[in-house]
């Protein structure tokens, strides 16, 4: 069955290397940045489903201080380094701003975690 799954999913020996190369170039941020409109959102002039979807998909990449689900800490060195290397990107900052501006208070998120995200925004681009 594995060969069938690998074939159906398009997996080959070179795919992990190609994926890593895209990550190293921060392709995901470049793609996001190219879609952010003059109003600061992805579609139209106000926050919508596209912004919510993009932010939710990319949350694990940036590691929000107020992320509602517990993730193992410290994260793997490679992931920590990857996050640090992308922190200067406008797309990274956009994600922080989307969460700071559109995520309401939750009983699951400690208020101090929400306050911890504020300095990241105040620091500005790297």
N, C-alpha and C. Protein backbone atom coordinates (compact mmCIF):
# COMPACT_ATOMS: atom_id res chain seq x y z
N UNK A 1 0.81 -1.20 0.00
CA UNK A 1 0.00 0.00 0.00
C UNK A 1 0.87 1.27 0.00
N UNK A 2 2.00 1.23 0.69
CA UNK A 2 2.84 2.44 0.77
C UNK A 2 3.25 2.96 -0.61
N UNK A 3 3.69 2.08 -1.52
CA UNK A 3 4.05 2.59 -2.84
C UNK A 3 2.86 3.28 -3.53
N UNK A 4 1.66 2.76 -3.32
CA UNK A 4 0.48 3.36 -3.91
C UNK A 4 0.23 4.74 -3.30
N UNK A 5 0.33 4.86 -1.99
CA UNK A 5 0.15 6.15 -1.32
C UNK A 5 1.21 7.15 -1.79
N UNK A 6 2.44 6.69 -1.85
CA UNK A 6 3.54 7.59 -2.28
C UNK A 6 3.28 8.11 -3.70
N UNK A 7 2.82 7.24 -4.57
CA UNK A 7 2.53 7.63 -5.95
C UNK A 7 1.36 8.60 -6.00
N UNK A 8 0.28 8.29 -5.28
CA UNK A 8 -0.91 9.15 -5.28
C UNK A 8 -0.62 10.52 -4.68
N UNK A 9 0.28 10.59 -3.71
CA UNK A 9 0.59 11.85 -3.05
C UNK A 9 1.72 12.60 -3.74
N UNK A 10 2.28 12.01 -4.78
CA UNK A 10 3.35 12.67 -5.51
C UNK A 10 4.66 12.72 -4.74
N UNK A 11 4.86 11.77 -3.85
CA UNK A 11 6.08 11.75 -3.05
C UNK A 11 7.20 11.07 -3.82
N UNK A 12 8.34 11.71 -3.85
CA UNK A 12 9.52 11.11 -4.44
C UNK A 12 10.72 11.53 -3.60
N UNK A 13 11.86 10.99 -3.91
CA UNK A 13 13.05 11.24 -3.09
C UNK A 13 13.46 12.71 -3.05
N UNK A 14 13.15 13.47 -4.08
CA UNK A 14 13.57 14.87 -4.12
C UNK A 14 12.59 15.84 -3.48
N UNK A 15 11.39 15.39 -3.19
CA UNK A 15 10.37 16.30 -2.68
C UNK A 15 10.74 16.95 -1.34
N UNK A 16 11.23 16.20 -0.35
CA UNK A 16 11.60 16.87 0.91
C UNK A 16 12.65 17.96 0.72
N UNK A 17 13.62 17.73 -0.15
CA UNK A 17 14.64 18.73 -0.41
C UNK A 17 14.07 19.98 -1.06
N UNK A 18 13.14 19.79 -1.99
CA UNK A 18 12.50 20.94 -2.63
C UNK A 18 11.65 21.71 -1.63
N UNK A 19 10.96 21.01 -0.77
CA UNK A 19 10.14 21.67 0.25
C UNK A 19 11.04 22.48 1.20
N UNK A 20 12.14 21.90 1.60
CA UNK A 20 13.06 22.60 2.50
C UNK A 20 13.63 23.85 1.84
N UNK A 21 13.92 23.77 0.56
CA UNK A 21 14.45 24.92 -0.15
C UNK A 21 13.42 26.05 -0.17
N UNK A 22 12.15 25.70 -0.36
CA UNK A 22 11.10 26.72 -0.34
C UNK A 22 10.98 27.35 1.04
N UNK A 23 11.09 26.53 2.06
CA UNK A 23 11.04 27.07 3.43
C UNK A 23 12.23 27.97 3.70
N UNK A 24 13.40 27.55 3.27
CA UNK A 24 14.61 28.36 3.50
C UNK A 24 14.50 29.73 2.85
N UNK A 25 13.80 29.82 1.75
CA UNK A 25 13.63 31.10 1.07
C UNK A 25 12.43 31.88 1.61
N UNK A 26 11.76 31.35 2.60
CA UNK A 26 10.56 31.97 3.17
C UNK A 26 9.51 32.23 2.09
N UNK A 27 9.36 31.25 1.21
CA UNK A 27 8.39 31.33 0.13
C UNK A 27 6.99 31.62 0.65
N UNK A 28 6.62 31.01 1.78
CA UNK A 28 5.27 31.17 2.32
C UNK A 28 5.02 32.63 2.70
N UNK A 29 6.03 33.32 3.25
CA UNK A 29 5.85 34.73 3.57
C UNK A 29 5.80 35.58 2.31
N UNK A 30 6.65 35.28 1.35
CA UNK A 30 6.65 36.03 0.09
C UNK A 30 5.29 35.91 -0.60
N UNK A 31 4.73 34.72 -0.58
CA UNK A 31 3.43 34.50 -1.19
C UNK A 31 2.35 35.30 -0.46
N UNK A 32 2.35 35.24 0.85
CA UNK A 32 1.39 36.00 1.65
C UNK A 32 1.55 37.49 1.41
N UNK A 33 2.78 37.97 1.45
CA UNK A 33 3.05 39.41 1.29
C UNK A 33 2.57 39.92 -0.06
N UNK A 34 2.65 39.09 -1.08
CA UNK A 34 2.21 39.53 -2.41
C UNK A 34 0.69 39.65 -2.50
N UNK A 35 -0.02 39.06 -1.55
CA UNK A 35 -1.48 39.08 -1.57
C UNK A 35 -2.09 40.13 -0.66
N UNK A 36 -1.31 40.72 0.25
CA UNK A 36 -1.85 41.71 1.17
C UNK A 36 -2.13 42.99 0.39
N UNK A 37 -3.38 43.44 0.45
CA UNK A 37 -3.79 44.61 -0.32
C UNK A 37 -3.48 45.91 0.40
N UNK A 38 -3.77 47.03 -0.27
CA UNK A 38 -3.49 48.35 0.31
C UNK A 38 -4.25 48.60 1.62
N UNK A 39 -5.37 47.89 1.79
CA UNK A 39 -6.16 48.07 3.02
C UNK A 39 -5.60 47.25 4.18
N UNK A 40 -4.56 46.45 3.90
CA UNK A 40 -3.94 45.65 4.95
C UNK A 40 -4.56 44.28 5.14
N UNK A 41 -5.51 43.92 4.28
CA UNK A 41 -6.13 42.60 4.35
C UNK A 41 -5.98 41.92 2.99
N UNK A 42 -6.33 40.66 2.93
CA UNK A 42 -6.10 39.90 1.70
C UNK A 42 -7.14 40.15 0.61
N UNK A 43 -8.40 40.30 1.02
CA UNK A 43 -9.48 40.49 0.04
C UNK A 43 -10.38 41.63 0.52
N UNK A 44 -10.65 42.57 -0.34
CA UNK A 44 -11.55 43.66 0.01
C UNK A 44 -10.89 44.68 0.92
N UNK A 45 -11.72 45.31 1.74
CA UNK A 45 -11.22 46.40 2.57
C UNK A 45 -11.33 46.13 4.06
N UNK A 46 -11.79 44.94 4.44
CA UNK A 46 -11.86 44.63 5.87
C UNK A 46 -11.57 43.16 6.12
N UNK A 47 -11.24 42.86 7.36
CA UNK A 47 -10.90 41.51 7.77
C UNK A 47 -12.00 40.54 7.34
N UNK A 48 -11.57 39.40 6.78
CA UNK A 48 -12.54 38.42 6.33
C UNK A 48 -12.02 37.00 6.42
N UNK A 49 -12.72 36.11 5.77
CA UNK A 49 -12.41 34.68 5.82
C UNK A 49 -11.01 34.39 5.28
N UNK A 50 -10.60 35.08 4.23
CA UNK A 50 -9.27 34.83 3.67
C UNK A 50 -8.18 35.15 4.69
N UNK A 51 -8.35 36.25 5.42
CA UNK A 51 -7.37 36.63 6.44
C UNK A 51 -7.36 35.60 7.57
N UNK A 52 -8.54 35.19 7.97
CA UNK A 52 -8.65 34.19 9.03
C UNK A 52 -8.00 32.88 8.63
N UNK A 53 -8.25 32.44 7.41
CA UNK A 53 -7.66 31.18 6.93
C UNK A 53 -6.14 31.26 6.86
N UNK A 54 -5.63 32.34 6.28
CA UNK A 54 -4.17 32.49 6.16
C UNK A 54 -3.52 32.54 7.54
N UNK A 55 -4.11 33.32 8.44
CA UNK A 55 -3.53 33.44 9.78
C UNK A 55 -3.58 32.11 10.53
N UNK A 56 -4.67 31.39 10.40
CA UNK A 56 -4.77 30.13 11.14
C UNK A 56 -3.81 29.08 10.60
N UNK A 57 -3.61 29.06 9.30
CA UNK A 57 -2.69 28.08 8.70
C UNK A 57 -1.25 28.38 9.08
N UNK A 58 -0.91 29.66 9.17
CA UNK A 58 0.49 30.04 9.40
C UNK A 58 0.84 30.22 10.88
N UNK A 59 -0.12 30.03 11.76
CA UNK A 59 0.12 30.22 13.19
C UNK A 59 1.28 29.38 13.71
N UNK A 60 1.33 28.14 13.31
CA UNK A 60 2.39 27.27 13.84
C UNK A 60 3.77 27.69 13.34
N UNK A 61 3.81 28.37 12.21
CA UNK A 61 5.09 28.83 11.67
C UNK A 61 5.68 29.92 12.55
N UNK A 62 4.84 30.87 12.98
CA UNK A 62 5.38 32.00 13.72
C UNK A 62 5.38 31.79 15.23
N UNK A 63 4.61 30.84 15.74
CA UNK A 63 4.61 30.55 17.17
C UNK A 63 4.11 31.72 18.01
N UNK A 64 2.84 32.03 17.89
CA UNK A 64 2.26 33.14 18.64
C UNK A 64 2.40 32.96 20.14
N UNK A 65 2.71 34.05 20.85
CA UNK A 65 2.79 33.96 22.31
C UNK A 65 1.44 33.59 22.92
N UNK A 66 0.34 33.94 22.26
CA UNK A 66 -0.99 33.69 22.80
C UNK A 66 -1.69 32.54 22.07
N UNK A 67 -0.93 31.64 21.51
CA UNK A 67 -1.51 30.51 20.80
C UNK A 67 -2.35 29.69 21.77
N UNK A 68 -3.60 29.37 21.42
CA UNK A 68 -4.49 28.72 22.37
C UNK A 68 -4.20 27.24 22.65
N UNK A 69 -3.33 26.64 21.89
CA UNK A 69 -3.02 25.22 22.10
C UNK A 69 -1.59 25.08 22.60
N UNK A 70 -1.41 24.21 23.54
CA UNK A 70 -0.07 24.01 24.09
C UNK A 70 0.81 23.30 23.07
N UNK A 71 1.96 23.89 22.82
CA UNK A 71 2.96 23.27 21.97
C UNK A 71 4.16 22.95 22.83
N UNK A 72 4.91 21.91 22.50
CA UNK A 72 6.09 21.59 23.30
C UNK A 72 7.09 22.74 23.28
N UNK A 73 7.59 23.08 24.42
CA UNK A 73 8.60 24.13 24.55
C UNK A 73 9.82 23.57 25.26
N UNK A 74 10.98 23.92 24.91
CA UNK A 74 11.27 24.71 23.72
C UNK A 74 11.04 23.88 22.47
N UNK A 75 10.77 24.54 21.40
CA UNK A 75 10.56 23.84 20.14
C UNK A 75 11.87 23.29 19.61
N UNK A 76 11.80 22.48 18.57
CA UNK A 76 13.03 21.97 17.97
C UNK A 76 13.92 23.13 17.51
N UNK A 77 15.22 22.99 17.67
CA UNK A 77 16.16 24.05 17.31
C UNK A 77 15.96 24.54 15.89
N UNK A 78 15.69 23.62 14.98
CA UNK A 78 15.50 24.00 13.58
C UNK A 78 14.28 24.90 13.42
N UNK A 79 13.19 24.58 14.14
CA UNK A 79 11.98 25.40 14.05
C UNK A 79 12.19 26.76 14.71
N UNK A 80 12.86 26.80 15.84
CA UNK A 80 13.15 28.06 16.52
C UNK A 80 13.99 28.96 15.61
N UNK A 81 15.01 28.40 15.01
CA UNK A 81 15.86 29.16 14.09
C UNK A 81 15.10 29.64 12.88
N UNK A 82 14.21 28.80 12.38
CA UNK A 82 13.40 29.16 11.22
C UNK A 82 12.50 30.34 11.55
N UNK A 83 11.87 30.30 12.72
CA UNK A 83 11.01 31.41 13.15
C UNK A 83 11.81 32.69 13.28
N UNK A 84 12.97 32.60 13.89
CA UNK A 84 13.81 33.79 14.08
C UNK A 84 14.25 34.37 12.74
N UNK A 85 14.54 33.51 11.78
CA UNK A 85 15.02 33.99 10.49
C UNK A 85 13.91 34.65 9.68
N UNK A 86 12.66 34.38 10.01
CA UNK A 86 11.55 34.99 9.28
C UNK A 86 10.90 36.16 10.00
N UNK A 87 11.34 36.44 11.22
CA UNK A 87 10.70 37.47 12.05
C UNK A 87 10.78 38.86 11.44
N UNK A 88 11.72 39.11 10.56
CA UNK A 88 11.87 40.44 9.93
C UNK A 88 10.91 40.64 8.76
N UNK A 89 10.25 39.58 8.33
CA UNK A 89 9.41 39.65 7.14
C UNK A 89 8.11 40.43 7.41
N UNK A 90 7.66 41.22 6.44
CA UNK A 90 6.38 41.91 6.60
C UNK A 90 5.21 40.94 6.83
N UNK A 91 5.27 39.77 6.22
CA UNK A 91 4.21 38.78 6.41
C UNK A 91 4.15 38.27 7.84
N UNK A 92 5.29 38.14 8.48
CA UNK A 92 5.36 37.72 9.88
C UNK A 92 4.67 38.77 10.74
N UNK A 93 5.01 40.03 10.50
CA UNK A 93 4.41 41.14 11.25
C UNK A 93 2.91 41.22 10.98
N UNK A 94 2.50 40.99 9.73
CA UNK A 94 1.09 41.01 9.38
C UNK A 94 0.32 39.97 10.20
N UNK A 95 0.89 38.78 10.32
CA UNK A 95 0.23 37.73 11.11
C UNK A 95 0.07 38.16 12.57
N UNK A 96 1.12 38.75 13.14
CA UNK A 96 1.01 39.23 14.52
C UNK A 96 -0.08 40.29 14.65
N UNK A 97 -0.13 41.20 13.69
CA UNK A 97 -1.13 42.27 13.73
C UNK A 97 -2.54 41.72 13.56
N UNK A 98 -2.71 40.75 12.68
CA UNK A 98 -4.03 40.14 12.49
C UNK A 98 -4.51 39.52 13.80
N UNK A 99 -3.65 38.78 14.45
CA UNK A 99 -4.03 38.17 15.72
C UNK A 99 -4.27 39.20 16.80
N UNK A 100 -3.41 40.21 16.89
CA UNK A 100 -3.58 41.23 17.93
C UNK A 100 -4.86 42.04 17.71
N UNK A 101 -5.21 42.28 16.46
CA UNK A 101 -6.37 43.12 16.17
C UNK A 101 -7.69 42.39 16.04
N UNK A 102 -7.66 41.08 15.82
CA UNK A 102 -8.91 40.38 15.53
C UNK A 102 -9.17 39.17 16.40
N UNK A 103 -8.29 38.85 17.28
CA UNK A 103 -8.55 37.72 18.18
C UNK A 103 -9.09 38.27 19.48
N UNK A 104 -10.28 37.89 19.80
CA UNK A 104 -10.91 38.33 21.04
C UNK A 104 -10.30 37.63 22.25
N UNK A 105 -10.66 38.11 23.40
CA UNK A 105 -10.19 37.50 24.65
C UNK A 105 -10.79 36.11 24.79
N UNK A 106 -10.04 35.23 25.35
CA UNK A 106 -10.48 33.86 25.56
C UNK A 106 -10.18 33.44 26.97
N UNK A 107 -11.03 32.64 27.53
CA UNK A 107 -10.77 32.11 28.87
C UNK A 107 -9.60 31.14 28.85
N UNK A 108 -9.29 30.61 27.68
CA UNK A 108 -8.22 29.64 27.55
C UNK A 108 -6.85 30.30 27.47
N UNK A 109 -6.82 31.57 27.11
CA UNK A 109 -5.54 32.26 26.95
C UNK A 109 -5.35 33.20 28.12
N UNK A 110 -4.26 33.03 28.80
CA UNK A 110 -3.96 33.89 29.94
C UNK A 110 -3.75 35.32 29.46
N UNK A 111 -4.30 36.31 30.18
CA UNK A 111 -4.12 37.71 29.76
C UNK A 111 -2.65 38.10 29.61
N UNK A 112 -1.75 37.54 30.42
CA UNK A 112 -0.34 37.91 30.29
C UNK A 112 0.24 37.43 28.95
N UNK A 113 -0.29 36.34 28.40
CA UNK A 113 0.19 35.87 27.10
C UNK A 113 -0.21 36.86 26.00
N UNK A 114 -1.41 37.43 26.12
CA UNK A 114 -1.82 38.43 25.15
C UNK A 114 -0.95 39.68 25.27
N UNK A 115 -0.61 40.06 26.48
CA UNK A 115 0.26 41.23 26.67
C UNK A 115 1.66 40.94 26.13
N UNK A 116 2.09 39.70 26.18
CA UNK A 116 3.42 39.33 25.71
C UNK A 116 3.56 39.55 24.20
N UNK A 117 2.46 39.51 23.47
CA UNK A 117 2.51 39.71 22.02
C UNK A 117 2.70 41.18 21.66
N UNK A 118 2.31 42.08 22.52
CA UNK A 118 2.39 43.52 22.22
C UNK A 118 3.81 44.00 21.92
N UNK A 119 4.84 43.62 22.70
CA UNK A 119 6.19 44.09 22.38
C UNK A 119 6.68 43.64 21.01
N UNK A 120 6.23 42.48 20.55
CA UNK A 120 6.63 42.01 19.23
C UNK A 120 6.14 42.98 18.16
N UNK A 121 4.95 43.51 18.35
CA UNK A 121 4.41 44.46 17.39
C UNK A 121 5.09 45.81 17.51
N UNK A 122 5.36 46.22 18.75
CA UNK A 122 5.99 47.53 18.98
C UNK A 122 7.42 47.59 18.44
N UNK A 123 8.09 46.43 18.39
CA UNK A 123 9.49 46.39 17.94
C UNK A 123 9.62 46.78 16.48
N UNK A 124 8.58 46.55 15.69
CA UNK A 124 8.64 46.90 14.29
C UNK A 124 9.50 45.95 13.49
N UNK A 125 9.61 46.21 12.19
CA UNK A 125 10.41 45.32 11.33
C UNK A 125 11.88 45.35 11.73
N UNK A 126 12.51 44.15 11.59
CA UNK A 126 13.86 43.91 12.02
C UNK A 126 14.92 44.70 11.39
